[in-house]
Amino acid sequence: MKIKTQKIEEALTRGVENVYPNCQTLETVLKSGKKLRIYCGIDPTGKLHLGHGAVLGKLRQFQDLGHEVIVLIGDFTATIGDPTGKNAARKALTRKQVLAHAKNYKKQIRKILDFNKSNVKFLYNEEWTNKLKPIDLLAIASKFTVARLLERDMFQRRIKAGKDIHAHEFLYPVFQAYDAVTMDIDMQIGGNDQTFNMLAGRKLMKKMKNKKTFVLTTKLLVDPTGKKMGKTEGNIISLDENPKEMYGKIMNWSDNLISIGFELLTKIPMAEINKLMKSSINPKDIKARLAREIVIMYHSKKAAQQAEKEFNKVFKEKGLPAKIPEIKIRKKELNILDLLVKTKLVSSKSEAKRLILQKGVKIDKKIQQDWKTVIQIKKGLIIQVGRRRFIKLI
């Protein structure tokens, strides 16, 4: 009983931003032994990343407590586009694009949730949303007011900036709320940037089913500027990231992300994390442990050890990776911008130029500062972009 109480308390506090209506009421229900139906929704607009991992990790805590957990793949809502945090309408996605993004979700989520248990299921909201008739949608939409929907901060920013707000963006939280009603859930879990959408579901549940539900929001993994680490900001670490890239990107985090990284992304006890953060251990060594723990979770212990060994070789010993991708260039010479694009170390000439001006490009360990340079193509030439990208010419 004591162990279960401790697990409940951790589920309600670790990485948690808020609980609605309040934490005490939810704690009482959990300790009563009542089993809840809990879900988190994921719109397949791109790859799963560590931000998703944090929310799914919270869902796993409730699964381990014996509650039914649902991962809802928003194959319908993703075609609308969640306006959360956006100062302009999202680019519309086709159903084909959405399904392509979601193709490997289960394989990746299997690393977080326990698929051997019967209390986990996957659902897709296209199954019921596309069955709605116009009269059904009108009845659901009538439960909301335009004034309430306009309260969203991103809409207020657009109004002040004179930017458009499209009607379909208003409908996104309405459709998400209907998901909660259709699944007859007891609780929703999501990042705190999803608070408005999840509270819309709580409100609709009350109006349509006279049922009180809970909403639990998690803290966000944010970069040093306060921006959420995600697809839009271009600073994600995807769950299927190569182990060496994953390890290296985490080691490149600022020190202020270490503590929240441990809290949200690992299973290390909070007491141990707090002790670690208060210790005199070099922050780089603490960050190295964080990187190892995360790589182990999504890959393996062996992959983490190899990634760490490679990282230390390149960055501590200032050597070269043990294995460098190779490419053959048939021309005798190329402008450095064309060479970087040809080797796929960059996606465009403009990116190549920017990196050169930032002194982020080396050829045979020599920093390149002139984007007009013509490079003589020769066998064995090693090109480096940033800290982790290498190509060897053959």
Protein backbone atom coordinates (compact mmCIF):
# COMPACT_ATOMS: atom_id res chain seq x y z
CA MET A 1 0.00 0.00 0.00
CA LYS A 2 2.85 2.36 0.88
CA ILE A 3 4.58 1.68 -2.44
CA LYS A 4 1.35 2.32 -4.37
CA THR A 5 0.82 5.60 -2.50
CA GLN A 6 4.34 6.68 -3.41
CA LYS A 7 3.72 5.84 -7.07
CA ILE A 8 0.50 7.85 -7.05
CA GLU A 9 2.25 10.83 -5.52
CA GLU A 10 5.04 10.64 -8.10
CA ALA A 11 2.53 10.38 -10.96
CA LEU A 12 0.84 13.55 -9.68
CA THR A 13 4.00 15.58 -9.10
CA ARG A 14 6.92 14.51 -11.27
CA GLY A 15 7.03 16.66 -14.38
CA VAL A 16 3.50 17.92 -13.70
CA GLU A 17 2.57 21.54 -14.36
CA ASN A 18 -1.13 21.53 -13.37
CA VAL A 19 -4.06 19.27 -12.52
CA TYR A 20 -7.66 20.33 -13.17
CA PRO A 21 -9.86 20.81 -11.23
CA ASN A 22 -7.16 20.20 -8.59
CA CYS A 23 -4.56 17.67 -7.55
CA GLN A 24 -6.21 16.78 -4.23
CA THR A 25 -9.46 15.58 -5.84
CA LEU A 26 -7.60 13.43 -8.36
CA GLU A 27 -5.39 12.00 -5.62
CA THR A 28 -8.44 10.99 -3.62
CA VAL A 29 -9.94 9.19 -6.63
CA LEU A 30 -6.68 7.39 -7.40
CA LYS A 31 -6.22 6.24 -3.81
CA SER A 32 -9.82 4.97 -3.74
CA GLY A 33 -8.83 2.25 -6.17
CA LYS A 34 -11.13 3.43 -8.97
CA LYS A 35 -9.74 2.61 -12.41
CA LEU A 36 -9.73 5.49 -14.87
CA ARG A 37 -9.72 5.68 -18.65
CA ILE A 38 -6.88 8.06 -19.53
CA TYR A 39 -5.70 9.27 -22.90
CA CYS A 40 -3.17 11.46 -24.63
CA GLY A 41 -3.56 12.54 -28.24
CA ILE A 42 -0.87 12.83 -30.88
CA ASP A 43 -1.42 14.51 -34.22
CA PRO A 44 0.89 12.84 -36.77
CA THR A 45 2.29 16.02 -38.30
CA GLY A 46 5.87 14.72 -38.23
CA LYS A 47 8.20 12.47 -36.27
CA LEU A 48 7.69 11.61 -32.62
CA HIS A 49 10.24 13.43 -30.47
CA LEU A 50 11.38 13.68 -26.86
CA GLY A 51 8.51 16.04 -26.06
CA HIS A 52 6.10 13.25 -26.94
CA GLY A 53 8.29 10.90 -24.92
CA ALA A 54 7.76 13.01 -21.80
CA VAL A 55 3.94 12.89 -22.11
CA LEU A 56 3.93 9.19 -22.97
CA GLY A 57 6.19 8.55 -19.98
CA LYS A 58 3.56 10.14 -17.75
CA LEU A 59 0.91 7.95 -19.38
CA ARG A 60 3.09 4.91 -18.58
CA GLN A 61 3.07 5.83 -14.88
CA PHE A 62 -0.73 5.60 -14.86
CA GLN A 63 -0.64 2.39 -16.89
CA ASP A 64 1.62 0.87 -14.22
CA LEU A 65 -0.96 1.89 -11.62
CA GLY A 66 -3.49 -0.29 -13.43
CA HIS A 67 -5.48 2.36 -15.30
CA GLU A 68 -6.62 1.96 -18.91
CA VAL A 69 -4.50 4.15 -21.18
CA ILE A 70 -5.30 5.23 -24.72
CA VAL A 71 -3.01 6.72 -27.32
CA LEU A 72 -5.23 8.62 -29.72
CA ILE A 73 -3.70 9.15 -33.14
CA GLY A 74 -5.24 12.32 -34.53
CA ASP A 75 -5.41 11.24 -38.15
CA PHE A 76 -8.39 13.57 -38.62
CA THR A 77 -7.38 16.53 -36.44
CA ALA A 78 -3.90 16.56 -38.00
CA THR A 79 -5.50 17.48 -41.33
CA ILE A 80 -6.99 20.58 -39.64
CA GLY A 81 -3.85 21.67 -37.83
CA ASP A 82 -3.68 22.59 -34.15
CA PRO A 83 -3.41 26.41 -33.90
CA THR A 84 -1.75 26.17 -30.47
CA GLY A 85 1.11 28.66 -30.28
CA LYS A 86 0.93 29.53 -33.98
CA ASN A 87 0.95 33.11 -35.25
CA ALA A 88 -0.30 31.93 -38.65
CA ALA A 89 -2.46 29.08 -39.89
CA ARG A 90 -0.71 25.72 -40.22
CA LYS A 91 -0.11 24.32 -43.67
CA ALA A 92 -2.83 21.80 -44.43
CA LEU A 93 -1.80 18.15 -44.55
CA THR A 94 -3.36 15.48 -46.73
CA ARG A 95 -4.57 12.24 -45.20
CA LYS A 96 -1.81 10.44 -47.12
CA GLN A 97 0.84 12.63 -45.48
CA VAL A 98 -0.69 12.11 -42.04
CA LEU A 99 -0.74 8.33 -42.36
CA ALA A 100 2.85 8.33 -43.62
CA HIS A 101 3.95 10.23 -40.52
CA ALA A 102 2.11 7.81 -38.22
CA LYS A 103 3.46 4.68 -39.91
CA ASN A 104 6.10 3.84 -37.27
CA TYR A 105 4.47 5.44 -34.22
CA LYS A 106 3.50 2.16 -32.57
CA LYS A 107 7.02 0.77 -32.92
CA GLN A 108 8.47 3.81 -31.18
CA ILE A 109 5.78 4.09 -28.51
CA ARG A 110 6.34 0.41 -27.65
CA LYS A 111 9.62 1.56 -26.07
CA ILE A 112 7.64 3.62 -23.54
CA LEU A 113 4.31 1.90 -22.90
CA ASP A 114 3.98 -1.76 -21.91
CA PHE A 115 2.30 -3.48 -24.85
CA ASN A 116 2.29 -6.80 -22.99
CA LYS A 117 -0.49 -5.52 -20.76
CA SER A 118 -4.13 -5.43 -21.80
CA ASN A 119 -4.74 -1.93 -20.44
CA VAL A 120 -3.31 -0.07 -23.43
CA LYS A 121 -4.98 0.64 -26.77
CA PHE A 122 -4.54 2.77 -29.88
CA LEU A 123 -7.46 4.63 -31.43
CA TYR A 124 -7.79 6.91 -34.48
CA ASN A 125 -10.17 9.87 -34.40
CA GLU A 126 -10.97 9.72 -38.11
CA GLU A 127 -13.08 6.66 -37.27
CA TRP A 128 -15.78 8.74 -35.60
CA THR A 129 -15.19 12.32 -36.69
CA ASN A 130 -15.87 11.70 -40.37
CA LYS A 131 -19.18 10.10 -39.42
CA LEU A 132 -20.51 13.38 -38.04
CA LYS A 133 -23.35 14.95 -39.99
CA PRO A 134 -23.69 18.75 -40.28
CA ILE A 135 -26.51 18.71 -37.72
CA ASP A 136 -24.24 16.81 -35.30
CA LEU A 137 -21.41 19.31 -35.73
CA LEU A 138 -23.80 22.22 -35.14
CA ALA A 139 -25.02 20.63 -31.92
CA ILE A 140 -21.45 20.17 -30.67
CA ALA A 141 -20.30 23.64 -31.75
CA SER A 142 -23.27 25.21 -29.95
CA LYS A 143 -21.67 24.20 -26.64
CA PHE A 144 -18.88 26.74 -27.23
CA THR A 145 -18.85 30.53 -27.58
CA VAL A 146 -16.80 32.60 -30.01
CA ALA A 147 -15.72 34.85 -27.14
CA ARG A 148 -14.23 31.87 -25.27
CA LEU A 149 -12.41 30.59 -28.35
CA LEU A 150 -11.02 34.06 -29.04
CA GLU A 151 -9.41 34.14 -25.61
CA ARG A 152 -6.56 31.99 -26.92
CA ASP A 153 -3.33 33.96 -26.75
CA MET A 154 -2.22 33.13 -30.30
CA PHE A 155 -5.52 34.45 -31.67
CA GLN A 156 -5.12 37.66 -29.67
CA ARG A 157 -1.63 38.11 -31.11
CA ARG A 158 -2.95 37.64 -34.62
CA ILE A 159 -5.75 40.16 -34.09
CA LYS A 160 -3.25 42.75 -32.87
CA ALA A 161 -0.98 41.99 -35.84
CA GLY A 162 -3.88 42.22 -38.28
CA LYS A 163 -3.49 38.57 -39.32
CA ASP A 164 -6.30 36.24 -40.33
CA ILE A 165 -7.93 33.66 -38.08
CA HIS A 166 -9.52 30.93 -40.16
CA ALA A 167 -12.83 29.29 -39.25
CA HIS A 168 -11.36 25.77 -39.29
CA GLU A 169 -8.88 26.83 -36.59
CA PHE A 170 -11.78 27.60 -34.28
CA LEU A 171 -13.04 24.07 -34.87
CA TYR A 172 -9.84 22.32 -33.83
CA PRO A 173 -10.51 22.42 -30.05
CA VAL A 174 -14.15 21.52 -30.77
CA PHE A 175 -13.14 18.34 -32.59
CA GLN A 176 -10.54 17.50 -29.95
CA ALA A 177 -13.15 17.97 -27.25
CA TYR A 178 -15.46 15.61 -29.12
CA ASP A 179 -12.71 12.96 -29.02
CA ALA A 180 -12.90 12.99 -25.22
CA VAL A 181 -16.68 12.61 -25.32
CA THR A 182 -16.60 9.77 -27.86
CA MET A 183 -14.02 7.79 -25.88
CA ASP A 184 -15.87 8.58 -22.62
CA ILE A 185 -12.57 9.29 -20.90
CA ASP A 186 -11.96 10.15 -17.26
CA MET A 187 -8.73 12.05 -17.74
CA GLN A 188 -6.57 13.70 -20.40
CA ILE A 189 -2.78 14.06 -20.29
CA GLY A 190 -0.78 16.48 -22.43
CA GLY A 191 1.85 19.18 -22.41
CA ASN A 192 0.86 22.44 -20.78
CA ASP A 193 0.67 24.06 -24.22
CA GLN A 194 -2.42 21.86 -24.75
CA THR A 195 -4.27 23.20 -21.71
CA PHE A 196 -6.89 25.13 -23.70
CA ASN A 197 -7.73 22.17 -25.95
CA MET A 198 -7.93 19.70 -23.07
CA LEU A 199 -10.08 21.97 -20.94
CA ALA A 200 -12.41 22.30 -23.92
CA GLY A 201 -12.83 18.52 -23.74
CA ARG A 202 -13.50 18.70 -20.01
CA LYS A 203 -16.16 21.34 -20.61
CA LEU A 204 -17.85 19.36 -23.39
CA MET A 205 -17.89 16.19 -21.26
CA LYS A 206 -19.72 18.09 -18.56
CA LYS A 207 -22.25 19.57 -20.99
CA MET A 208 -22.94 16.47 -23.06
CA LYS A 209 -22.55 13.68 -20.50
CA ASN A 210 -22.73 15.54 -17.20
CA LYS A 211 -19.46 13.84 -16.33
CA LYS A 212 -16.62 15.45 -14.39
CA THR A 213 -13.19 14.65 -15.77
CA PHE A 214 -9.58 15.47 -14.99
CA VAL A 215 -6.87 17.18 -17.01
CA LEU A 216 -3.19 16.75 -16.18
CA THR A 217 -0.66 18.96 -17.95
CA THR A 218 3.07 18.25 -18.00
CA LYS A 219 5.97 20.65 -17.98
CA LEU A 220 7.54 21.38 -21.34
CA LEU A 221 11.09 20.79 -22.46
CA VAL A 222 12.13 24.28 -23.54
CA ASP A 223 15.34 25.63 -24.98
CA PRO A 224 17.35 28.44 -23.31
CA THR A 225 15.19 31.08 -25.07
CA GLY A 226 12.02 29.62 -23.57
CA LYS A 227 10.79 28.13 -26.85
CA LYS A 228 9.28 24.65 -26.79
CA MET A 229 11.56 22.05 -28.29
CA GLY A 230 9.54 20.72 -31.19
CA LYS A 231 9.04 20.46 -34.94
CA THR A 232 8.13 24.10 -35.46
CA GLU A 233 11.27 25.39 -33.75
CA GLY A 234 13.48 22.91 -35.58
CA ASN A 235 15.24 21.80 -32.39
CA ILE A 236 13.69 18.38 -31.89
CA ILE A 237 15.39 15.12 -31.05
CA SER A 238 13.24 12.47 -32.67
CA LEU A 239 12.65 9.14 -30.93
CA ASP A 240 14.16 7.29 -33.89
CA GLU A 241 17.23 9.52 -33.99
CA ASN A 242 20.52 7.74 -34.63
CA PRO A 243 22.06 6.91 -31.18
CA LYS A 244 25.19 8.95 -31.87
CA GLU A 245 23.16 11.94 -33.05
CA MET A 246 20.80 11.64 -30.09
CA TYR A 247 23.68 11.50 -27.62
CA GLY A 248 25.52 14.37 -29.29
CA LYS A 249 22.47 16.63 -29.46
CA ILE A 250 21.74 16.12 -25.77
CA MET A 251 25.37 16.89 -24.92
CA ASN A 252 24.90 20.12 -26.86
CA TRP A 253 22.03 21.21 -24.58
CA SER A 254 22.63 24.14 -22.25
CA ASP A 255 23.19 23.21 -18.60
CA ASN A 256 19.80 24.62 -17.56
CA LEU A 257 18.10 21.75 -19.41
CA ILE A 258 19.82 19.02 -17.42
CA SER A 259 17.50 18.95 -14.40
CA ILE A 260 14.23 19.13 -16.34
CA GLY A 261 15.63 16.59 -18.80
CA PHE A 262 16.18 14.07 -16.00
CA GLU A 263 12.74 14.79 -14.54
CA LEU A 264 10.78 14.49 -17.78
CA LEU A 265 12.75 11.97 -19.79
CA THR A 266 14.22 9.40 -17.39
CA LYS A 267 13.06 7.03 -14.65
CA ILE A 268 15.80 7.97 -12.22
CA PRO A 269 14.19 8.68 -8.78
CA MET A 270 13.71 12.38 -8.03
CA ALA A 271 15.66 12.08 -4.79
CA GLU A 272 18.67 10.85 -6.75
CA ILE A 273 18.22 13.60 -9.37
CA ASN A 274 18.07 16.31 -6.69
CA LYS A 275 21.17 14.90 -5.02
CA LEU A 276 22.97 14.77 -8.36
CA MET A 277 22.08 18.36 -9.22
CA LYS A 278 23.33 19.60 -5.83
CA SER A 279 26.60 17.67 -6.07
CA SER A 280 29.97 19.06 -7.10
CA ILE A 281 30.10 16.81 -10.15
CA ASN A 282 30.99 18.63 -13.37
CA PRO A 283 27.75 19.53 -15.24
CA LYS A 284 29.19 17.95 -18.40
CA ASP A 285 29.50 14.61 -16.62
CA ILE A 286 25.95 14.89 -15.30
CA LYS A 287 24.76 15.72 -18.82
CA ALA A 288 26.63 12.68 -20.11
CA ARG A 289 24.63 10.49 -17.76
CA LEU A 290 21.40 12.10 -18.98
CA ALA A 291 22.41 11.41 -22.58
CA ARG A 292 23.24 7.79 -21.73
CA GLU A 293 19.92 7.21 -19.96
CA ILE A 294 17.91 8.58 -22.88
CA VAL A 295 19.83 6.65 -25.54
CA ILE A 296 19.43 3.45 -23.50
CA MET A 297 15.67 4.02 -23.32
CA TYR A 298 15.19 4.44 -27.07
CA HIS A 299 17.98 2.20 -28.32
CA SER A 300 20.11 0.03 -26.02
CA LYS A 301 22.86 0.09 -23.42
CA LYS A 302 25.37 -1.02 -26.03
CA ALA A 303 24.31 1.79 -28.39
CA ALA A 304 24.65 4.32 -25.57
CA GLN A 305 28.16 3.13 -24.71
CA GLN A 306 29.22 3.30 -28.36
CA ALA A 307 27.68 6.76 -28.78
CA GLU A 308 29.49 8.03 -25.69
CA LYS A 309 32.78 6.53 -26.83
CA GLU A 310 32.40 8.17 -30.24
CA PHE A 311 31.46 11.51 -28.71
CA ASN A 312 34.47 11.49 -26.40
CA LYS A 313 36.78 10.58 -29.26
CA VAL A 314 35.56 13.45 -31.41
CA PHE A 315 35.07 16.17 -28.81
CA LYS A 316 37.35 15.40 -25.90
CA GLU A 317 40.26 13.97 -27.82
CA LYS A 318 39.50 16.19 -30.82
CA GLY A 319 39.87 13.21 -33.11
CA LEU A 320 37.69 11.91 -35.91
CA PRO A 321 34.77 9.47 -35.70
CA ALA A 322 35.66 5.81 -36.08
CA LYS A 323 33.32 5.54 -39.06
CA ILE A 324 32.86 8.43 -41.46
CA PRO A 325 30.29 8.27 -44.28
CA GLU A 326 31.96 8.25 -47.69
CA ILE A 327 30.93 9.77 -51.00
CA LYS A 328 32.43 9.95 -54.45
CA ILE A 329 32.53 13.27 -56.28
CA ARG A 330 33.42 12.95 -59.95
CA LYS A 331 34.24 16.60 -60.62
CA LYS A 332 37.81 17.88 -60.18
CA GLU A 333 36.76 21.05 -58.34
CA LEU A 334 33.64 22.62 -56.86
CA ASN A 335 32.66 25.84 -55.20
CA ILE A 336 32.46 25.13 -51.46
CA LEU A 337 28.71 25.86 -51.39
CA ASP A 338 28.05 23.37 -54.17
CA LEU A 339 30.30 20.83 -52.47
CA LEU A 340 28.42 21.04 -49.18
CA VAL A 341 25.08 20.61 -50.95
CA LYS A 342 26.44 17.78 -53.11
CA THR A 343 27.59 15.86 -50.03
CA LYS A 344 24.18 16.48 -48.37
CA LEU A 345 25.86 17.96 -45.32
CA VAL A 346 23.51 20.91 -45.82
CA SER A 347 20.12 21.23 -47.46
CA SER A 348 20.79 24.44 -49.40
CA LYS A 349 23.45 26.91 -50.50
CA SER A 350 22.02 29.53 -48.16
CA GLU A 351 22.48 27.18 -45.20
CA ALA A 352 26.03 26.42 -46.37
CA LYS A 353 26.86 30.12 -46.63
CA ARG A 354 25.46 30.81 -43.16
CA LEU A 355 27.50 27.99 -41.61
CA ILE A 356 30.70 29.17 -43.30
CA LEU A 357 30.20 32.72 -42.03
CA GLN A 358 29.66 31.26 -38.55
CA LYS A 359 32.94 29.32 -38.89
CA GLY A 360 31.04 26.05 -38.70
CA VAL A 361 32.67 24.36 -41.69
CA LYS A 362 36.05 22.62 -41.75
CA ILE A 363 37.88 20.91 -44.59
CA ASP A 364 40.72 18.66 -43.42
CA LYS A 365 40.38 20.29 -39.98
CA LYS A 366 40.87 23.82 -41.39
CA ILE A 367 38.07 26.32 -40.74
CA GLN A 368 36.59 27.73 -43.96
CA GLN A 369 35.68 31.44 -43.90
CA ASP A 370 35.18 32.29 -47.57
CA TRP A 371 32.02 30.98 -49.20
CA LYS A 372 33.45 31.76 -52.65
CA THR A 373 36.32 29.31 -52.22
CA VAL A 374 36.80 26.66 -54.89
CA ILE A 375 37.75 23.28 -53.42
CA GLN A 376 40.01 20.87 -55.25
CA ILE A 377 38.36 17.45 -55.11
CA LYS A 378 40.75 14.73 -53.97
CA LYS A 379 40.52 11.30 -52.41
CA GLY A 380 40.58 11.28 -48.59
CA LEU A 381 39.36 14.87 -48.13
CA ILE A 382 37.35 15.13 -44.91
CA ILE A 383 34.61 17.71 -44.67
CA GLN A 384 33.07 18.63 -41.32
CA VAL A 385 29.94 20.68 -40.71
CA GLY A 386 29.11 21.63 -37.14
CA ARG A 387 30.29 19.24 -34.46
CA ARG A 388 28.90 15.95 -35.60
CA ARG A 389 28.55 15.86 -39.38
CA PHE A 390 31.43 14.39 -41.37
CA ILE A 391 31.94 13.21 -44.95
CA LYS A 392 35.00 11.63 -46.51
CA LEU A 393 35.62 11.87 -50.24
CA ILE A 394 36.66 8.67 -52.01
